[in-house]
Protein backbone atom coordinates (compact mmCIF):
# COMPACT_ATOMS: atom_id res chain seq x y z
CA MET A 1 20.66 34.08 -7.04
CA SER A 2 23.27 31.56 -6.14
CA ILE A 3 22.37 28.22 -4.21
CA LYS A 4 23.39 28.25 -0.68
CA PRO A 5 25.97 25.41 0.02
CA VAL A 6 24.67 22.45 1.86
CA PRO A 7 26.59 21.85 5.20
CA GLU A 8 29.49 19.48 4.72
CA SER A 9 28.60 17.65 8.01
CA ASN A 10 25.19 16.57 6.40
CA ILE A 11 26.61 14.86 3.21
CA ASP A 12 29.36 12.69 2.04
CA ALA A 13 30.04 14.74 -1.23
CA VAL A 14 28.22 17.70 -2.64
CA VAL A 15 27.17 17.32 -6.12
CA VAL A 16 25.13 19.53 -8.60
CA LYS A 17 23.13 18.25 -11.35
CA THR A 18 20.84 19.68 -13.93
CA LEU A 19 17.62 18.59 -15.48
CA LYS A 20 15.32 19.87 -18.37
CA LEU A 21 11.69 18.86 -17.96
CA GLU A 22 9.78 18.38 -21.29
CA PRO A 23 7.51 19.54 -22.66
CA ASP A 24 8.35 23.11 -21.77
CA ASN A 25 4.87 24.23 -20.75
CA SER A 26 4.55 27.20 -18.40
CA GLU A 27 1.28 26.08 -16.84
CA HIS A 28 2.48 22.65 -16.15
CA LEU A 29 5.72 24.13 -14.68
CA SER A 30 3.82 26.52 -12.54
CA ALA A 31 1.79 23.67 -11.25
CA LEU A 32 4.91 21.60 -10.39
CA CYS A 33 6.61 24.45 -8.57
CA GLY A 34 3.39 25.48 -6.65
CA PRO A 35 2.54 29.10 -5.55
CA PHE A 36 5.65 31.07 -4.83
CA ASP A 37 7.65 27.77 -5.39
CA LYS A 38 5.93 26.21 -2.34
CA ASN A 39 6.27 22.63 -3.72
CA LEU A 40 9.86 23.07 -4.51
CA ARG A 41 10.61 24.49 -1.01
CA GLN A 42 8.85 21.40 0.58
CA ILE A 43 10.94 19.05 -1.51
CA GLU A 44 14.12 21.02 -0.39
CA SER A 45 13.11 20.77 3.22
CA ARG A 46 12.19 17.13 3.34
CA LEU A 47 15.06 15.85 1.23
CA GLY A 48 17.84 18.09 2.45
CA ILE A 49 18.61 19.45 -1.00
CA ARG A 50 18.73 22.87 -2.90
CA ILE A 51 16.65 23.47 -6.05
CA LYS A 52 16.72 26.42 -8.25
CA ASN A 53 15.02 26.76 -11.60
CA ARG A 54 14.65 28.99 -14.68
CA GLY A 55 11.60 27.97 -16.79
CA HIS A 56 11.89 24.19 -17.49
CA GLU A 57 15.68 24.02 -16.46
CA PHE A 58 16.30 22.64 -12.89
CA GLU A 59 19.39 22.53 -10.85
CA VAL A 60 19.58 20.29 -7.70
CA GLN A 61 22.43 20.31 -5.20
CA GLY A 62 23.00 17.84 -2.35
CA ASN A 63 24.70 14.37 -1.79
CA LYS A 64 24.99 12.10 -4.71
CA LYS A 65 22.30 9.57 -3.84
CA THR A 66 19.71 12.14 -2.79
CA VAL A 67 20.24 14.31 -5.85
CA GLY A 68 19.81 11.43 -8.20
CA ALA A 69 16.64 10.47 -6.44
CA SER A 70 15.39 13.94 -6.45
CA LEU A 71 15.72 14.32 -10.15
CA GLU A 72 13.75 11.14 -10.63
CA LEU A 73 11.10 12.58 -8.26
CA LEU A 74 10.90 15.83 -10.28
CA LYS A 75 10.41 13.79 -13.44
CA GLN A 76 7.60 11.58 -11.99
CA LEU A 77 5.90 14.70 -10.41
CA TYR A 78 6.09 16.58 -13.77
CA ARG A 79 4.55 13.30 -15.59
CA GLU A 80 1.83 13.54 -12.99
CA VAL A 81 1.28 17.24 -13.78
CA VAL A 82 1.29 16.58 -17.58
CA SER A 83 -1.25 13.78 -17.35
CA SER A 84 -3.65 15.23 -14.86
CA GLY A 85 -3.11 19.04 -15.13
CA GLU A 86 -2.26 19.50 -11.39
CA LEU A 87 -0.13 18.26 -8.67
CA SER A 88 -2.36 17.42 -5.70
CA PRO A 89 -1.10 17.80 -2.15
CA GLU A 90 -1.76 14.00 -1.55
CA THR A 91 0.59 13.08 -4.59
CA LEU A 92 3.33 15.38 -3.26
CA HIS A 93 2.88 14.08 0.27
CA LEU A 94 3.20 10.44 -0.69
CA TYR A 95 6.45 10.93 -2.31
CA LEU A 96 7.83 13.17 0.40
CA GLN A 97 7.45 11.00 3.58
CA GLU A 98 10.49 9.54 5.09
CA SER A 99 10.38 6.40 2.97
CA GLY A 100 10.21 8.84 -0.07
CA ILE A 101 13.79 7.96 -1.45
CA GLU A 102 12.84 4.36 -1.67
CA ALA A 103 9.55 5.13 -3.34
CA ILE A 104 11.09 7.43 -5.73
CA THR A 105 13.84 5.01 -6.93
CA VAL A 106 11.52 1.96 -7.31
CA GLY A 107 11.56 0.59 -10.79
CA GLN A 108 15.24 1.45 -11.48
CA ASP A 109 16.21 -2.16 -10.64
CA GLN A 110 12.78 -3.85 -11.37
CA THR A 111 9.67 -3.36 -13.59
CA VAL A 112 7.00 -1.24 -11.67
CA GLN A 113 3.97 -3.40 -11.24
CA LEU A 114 1.25 -1.07 -12.43
CA ILE A 115 -2.36 -2.09 -11.41
CA LYS A 116 -5.04 -1.05 -13.87
CA THR A 117 -8.66 -1.03 -12.46
CA ARG A 118 -11.96 0.37 -13.85
CA LYS A 119 -11.59 3.71 -11.92
CA LYS A 120 -7.89 4.31 -11.73
CA SER A 121 -4.45 2.80 -12.27
CA ILE A 122 -2.35 2.18 -9.05
CA LYS A 123 1.40 2.16 -8.97
CA PRO A 124 3.21 0.65 -5.87
CA ARG A 125 5.02 3.02 -3.72
CA GLY A 126 8.60 1.86 -2.96
CA ASP A 127 10.39 -1.51 -3.45
CA ASN A 128 8.32 -3.56 -0.87
CA GLN A 129 5.05 -2.61 -2.35
CA ASN A 130 6.36 -3.55 -5.90
CA VAL A 131 7.73 -6.92 -4.70
CA TYR A 132 4.37 -7.53 -2.85
CA VAL A 133 2.37 -6.95 -6.07
CA ASN A 134 4.69 -9.10 -8.21
CA ALA A 135 4.46 -11.91 -5.62
CA ILE A 136 0.62 -11.86 -5.73
CA ARG A 137 0.73 -12.13 -9.45
CA THR A 138 3.11 -15.05 -9.45
CA HIS A 139 2.09 -17.12 -6.27
CA ASP A 140 -1.05 -18.92 -5.37
CA ILE A 141 -0.86 -18.09 -1.68
CA ASN A 142 0.64 -14.81 -0.47
CA PHE A 143 1.14 -13.14 3.05
CA GLY A 144 1.52 -9.39 3.59
CA ILE A 145 2.59 -8.57 7.04
CA GLY A 146 3.15 -5.43 8.53
CA PRO A 147 1.85 -2.14 10.31
CA ALA A 148 -1.32 -0.12 9.36
CA GLY A 149 -0.97 2.13 6.37
CA THR A 150 1.36 0.12 4.28
CA GLY A 151 -1.08 -0.69 1.56
CA LYS A 152 -1.36 -4.36 2.14
CA THR A 153 -5.08 -4.64 1.77
CA TYR A 154 -5.71 -1.90 -0.65
CA LEU A 155 -3.13 -3.36 -3.13
CA ALA A 156 -4.37 -6.83 -2.71
CA VAL A 157 -7.93 -5.64 -3.48
CA ALA A 158 -6.60 -3.68 -6.46
CA VAL A 159 -4.86 -6.87 -7.81
CA GLY A 160 -8.11 -8.85 -7.43
CA VAL A 161 -10.12 -6.22 -9.22
CA ASN A 162 -7.59 -6.23 -12.15
CA MET A 163 -7.74 -10.09 -12.27
CA LEU A 164 -11.55 -10.12 -12.28
CA MET A 165 -11.63 -7.62 -15.11
CA ALA A 166 -9.22 -9.53 -17.10
CA GLY A 167 -11.13 -12.72 -16.72
CA LYS A 168 -8.43 -14.58 -14.76
CA VAL A 169 -10.77 -15.33 -11.85
CA ASP A 170 -14.53 -15.78 -11.60
CA LYS A 171 -15.16 -13.87 -8.48
CA ILE A 172 -13.53 -11.92 -5.46
CA ILE A 173 -14.05 -13.25 -2.05
CA LEU A 174 -13.20 -10.86 0.83
CA SER A 175 -13.20 -12.01 4.40
CA ARG A 176 -12.25 -10.86 7.84
CA PRO A 177 -12.49 -12.41 11.28
CA ALA A 178 -15.13 -10.70 13.37
CA VAL A 179 -13.13 -10.13 16.56
CA GLU A 180 -13.95 -7.09 18.81
CA ALA A 181 -11.22 -4.58 19.24
CA GLY A 182 -12.25 -3.67 22.74
CA GLU A 183 -15.95 -3.31 21.75
CA ARG A 184 -18.66 -5.85 22.15
CA LEU A 185 -20.24 -7.30 19.04
CA GLY A 186 -23.52 -8.23 20.84
CA PHE A 187 -24.26 -4.67 21.73
CA LEU A 188 -24.25 -3.58 18.13
CA PRO A 189 -27.74 -3.05 16.49
CA GLY A 190 -29.29 -5.22 13.87
CA ASP A 191 -29.15 -8.90 12.87
CA LEU A 192 -25.87 -10.84 12.29
CA SER A 193 -25.04 -9.63 8.83
CA GLN A 194 -25.50 -5.98 10.12
CA LYS A 195 -23.35 -6.50 13.16
CA ILE A 196 -20.63 -8.06 10.97
CA ASP A 197 -20.81 -5.36 8.31
CA PRO A 198 -18.63 -2.72 10.07
CA TYR A 199 -15.71 -5.17 10.46
CA LEU A 200 -15.80 -5.56 6.61
CA ARG A 201 -16.24 -1.83 5.85
CA PRO A 202 -12.50 -1.23 4.84
CA LEU A 203 -12.85 -3.84 2.18
CA TYR A 204 -16.02 -2.16 0.88
CA ASP A 205 -14.33 1.17 0.81
CA ALA A 206 -11.44 -0.10 -1.26
CA LEU A 207 -13.82 -1.67 -3.81
CA TYR A 208 -15.91 1.41 -4.09
CA GLU A 209 -12.84 3.47 -4.78
CA LEU A 210 -11.52 1.19 -7.53
CA PHE A 211 -14.82 0.15 -9.13
CA GLY A 212 -17.55 2.74 -8.11
CA PHE A 213 -20.32 2.14 -5.78
CA GLU A 214 -23.00 1.14 -8.27
CA ARG A 215 -20.71 -1.29 -10.11
CA VAL A 216 -19.77 -2.96 -6.78
CA GLU A 217 -23.32 -3.33 -5.69
CA LYS A 218 -24.25 -4.97 -9.03
CA LEU A 219 -21.23 -7.36 -8.76
CA ILE A 220 -22.10 -8.23 -5.20
CA GLU A 221 -25.79 -8.80 -6.26
CA LYS A 222 -24.69 -11.10 -9.08
CA GLY A 223 -22.12 -13.00 -7.02
CA PHE A 224 -18.94 -11.83 -8.64
CA ILE A 225 -17.88 -10.19 -5.36
CA GLU A 226 -18.57 -11.91 -2.06
CA VAL A 227 -17.77 -10.37 1.31
CA ALA A 228 -18.16 -12.73 4.13
CA PRO A 229 -17.02 -13.36 7.75
CA LEU A 230 -14.27 -15.79 8.12
CA ALA A 231 -16.55 -18.38 9.84
CA TYR A 232 -18.60 -18.69 6.66
CA MET A 233 -15.68 -20.42 4.93
CA ARG A 234 -15.87 -23.63 6.64
CA GLY A 235 -16.75 -26.50 4.45
CA ARG A 236 -16.21 -24.68 1.15
CA THR A 237 -13.75 -25.33 -1.61
CA LEU A 238 -12.95 -22.02 -3.43
CA ASN A 239 -11.90 -22.53 -7.04
CA ASN A 240 -11.13 -19.83 -9.59
CA ALA A 241 -11.35 -17.02 -7.07
CA PHE A 242 -9.23 -14.21 -5.86
CA ILE A 243 -9.52 -14.46 -2.02
CA ILE A 244 -8.31 -12.00 0.51
CA LEU A 245 -8.30 -12.65 4.33
CA ASP A 246 -7.73 -9.23 6.05
CA GLU A 247 -6.84 -8.54 9.68
CA SER A 248 -5.62 -12.13 9.78
CA GLN A 249 -3.65 -11.66 13.11
CA ASN A 250 -7.00 -11.98 14.84
CA THR A 251 -7.55 -15.45 13.50
CA THR A 252 -6.95 -18.55 15.81
CA VAL A 253 -4.56 -21.21 14.79
CA GLU A 254 -7.51 -23.36 13.95
CA GLN A 255 -9.29 -20.66 11.77
CA MET A 256 -5.98 -20.09 9.72
CA LYS A 257 -5.59 -23.85 9.06
CA MET A 258 -9.28 -23.94 7.93
CA PHE A 259 -9.05 -21.05 5.70
CA LEU A 260 -5.82 -22.09 3.92
CA THR A 261 -7.25 -25.53 3.22
CA ARG A 262 -10.28 -23.99 1.51
CA ILE A 263 -8.12 -23.19 -1.46
CA GLY A 264 -9.15 -24.77 -4.77
CA PHE A 265 -7.66 -24.81 -8.39
CA GLY A 266 -7.17 -21.55 -10.08
CA SER A 267 -7.39 -19.41 -7.03
CA THR A 268 -5.01 -16.69 -5.63
CA VAL A 269 -5.08 -16.11 -1.81
CA VAL A 270 -3.73 -13.07 -0.06
CA VAL A 271 -3.60 -12.98 3.71
CA THR A 272 -2.81 -9.66 5.40
CA GLY A 273 -2.22 -8.68 8.96
CA ASP A 274 -0.37 -6.87 11.60
CA VAL A 275 1.08 -9.00 14.38
CA THR A 276 1.48 -6.09 16.74
CA GLN A 277 -2.30 -5.52 16.77
CA VAL A 278 -3.85 -8.72 18.09
CA ASP A 279 -7.23 -8.34 19.52
CA LEU A 280 -7.77 -11.95 20.50
CA PRO A 281 -8.46 -12.93 24.19
CA LEU A 282 -5.33 -13.38 26.41
CA ARG A 283 -3.56 -16.75 25.93
CA THR A 284 -5.18 -17.37 22.52
CA GLN A 285 -2.38 -17.74 19.92
CA SER A 286 -2.72 -15.68 16.70
CA GLY A 287 -3.05 -17.84 13.64
CA LEU A 288 -0.94 -15.44 11.67
CA LYS A 289 1.99 -15.62 14.12
CA HIS A 290 1.69 -19.43 14.14
CA VAL A 291 1.52 -19.83 10.27
CA MET A 292 4.60 -17.58 9.78
CA ARG A 293 6.64 -20.38 11.64
CA VAL A 294 4.71 -23.31 10.25
CA LEU A 295 4.94 -22.34 6.63
CA ASP A 296 8.40 -20.66 6.63
CA GLY A 297 10.37 -22.19 3.72
CA VAL A 298 7.57 -23.88 2.13
CA LYS A 299 7.66 -23.70 -1.72
CA GLY A 300 4.92 -21.83 -3.73
CA LEU A 301 4.15 -19.30 -1.00
CA SER A 302 5.31 -15.75 -0.63
CA PHE A 303 5.83 -13.72 2.48
CA THR A 304 6.24 -9.73 2.12
CA HIS A 305 7.06 -8.09 5.42
CA PHE A 306 6.44 -4.43 5.68
CA SER A 307 7.90 -1.92 8.14
CA SER A 308 7.10 1.61 9.30
CA ARG A 309 9.18 2.84 6.37
CA ASP A 310 6.62 1.47 3.95
CA VAL A 311 3.75 3.65 5.55
CA VAL A 312 1.83 5.55 2.78
CA ARG A 313 -0.35 7.69 5.05
CA HIS A 314 0.24 10.86 6.79
CA PRO A 315 3.99 11.05 7.92
CA LEU A 316 2.69 11.05 11.62
CA VAL A 317 1.42 7.54 11.07
CA GLN A 318 4.96 6.31 10.42
CA ARG A 319 6.23 7.98 13.41
CA ILE A 320 3.39 6.77 15.56
CA VAL A 321 4.17 3.13 14.42
CA GLU A 322 7.81 3.53 15.16
CA ALA A 323 7.06 5.03 18.57
CA TYR A 324 4.90 2.20 19.52
CA GLN A 325 7.39 -0.34 18.32
CA ALA A 326 10.28 1.35 20.12
CA PHE A 327 8.09 1.41 23.37
CA GLU A 328 7.30 -2.31 23.18
CA ASP A 329 10.97 -3.20 22.45
CA ARG A 330 11.73 -1.51 25.90
CA ASP A 331 9.33 -3.78 27.68
């Protein structure tokens, strides 16, 4: 069966390239292609290419840039199948969202910053995530700024877990400002720690996924992992620790200054936030927005800015972020 030509209006120049996937294993190739070649059809639809295969030989037609990236995608997906025995819908989905081409080609110009943890190894998706992880490993204070779903907090927790396992830090400290997003903290049941706990839940979830529930609970009990509201940082000096301040757009200017001046020797700090989702009272300036101006150009710090194209959740999340941004830009 011949490949249908790609319309000339959609491409700069049509190219056809071939690829042989090794090892030539029928079960692995079947998992890659999916039932009735469902996975291949999904890749074609999302990337605007044509794919045909016979056994382990694949032929891809499309414009030059997309074909090259598509071949790299097929290689990476096949490696996933060989290592795990399957191609999960989540894995395929993450590579095929709108930022997929950048995610596929990461590592062609720089080394991929693989993060190894107790439960799994995490590979950054796209250039921005890769730059972010490298920055955290090479700078003492780092800022990850951008919309929800770009992996800012998850990657920071993963690097922290990796550094704790390697003995590079003595403990992990996770913090968040306890600011209500339309709710009222006082109406929540329980004492103060129980009221605060829901605000820290995303940090717990990341730890559980990377370390395992029982291991996390033991590390918290022994003081190797500390999860605390931002207010509890005042008056402390934090040495030899990996410290994450999440949702930092909800800090005040004073709180941000207080937090950044807690940093001691041997510590690494990651500050994450989304300046489009500030829940502070009206006329209260966000500490994250303020610090972006104050520390601009200061040596020894890193700022990584994410956009909707870096979203690694469901494709609709990316479109929602873009729609809100476009709506706010009109106002």
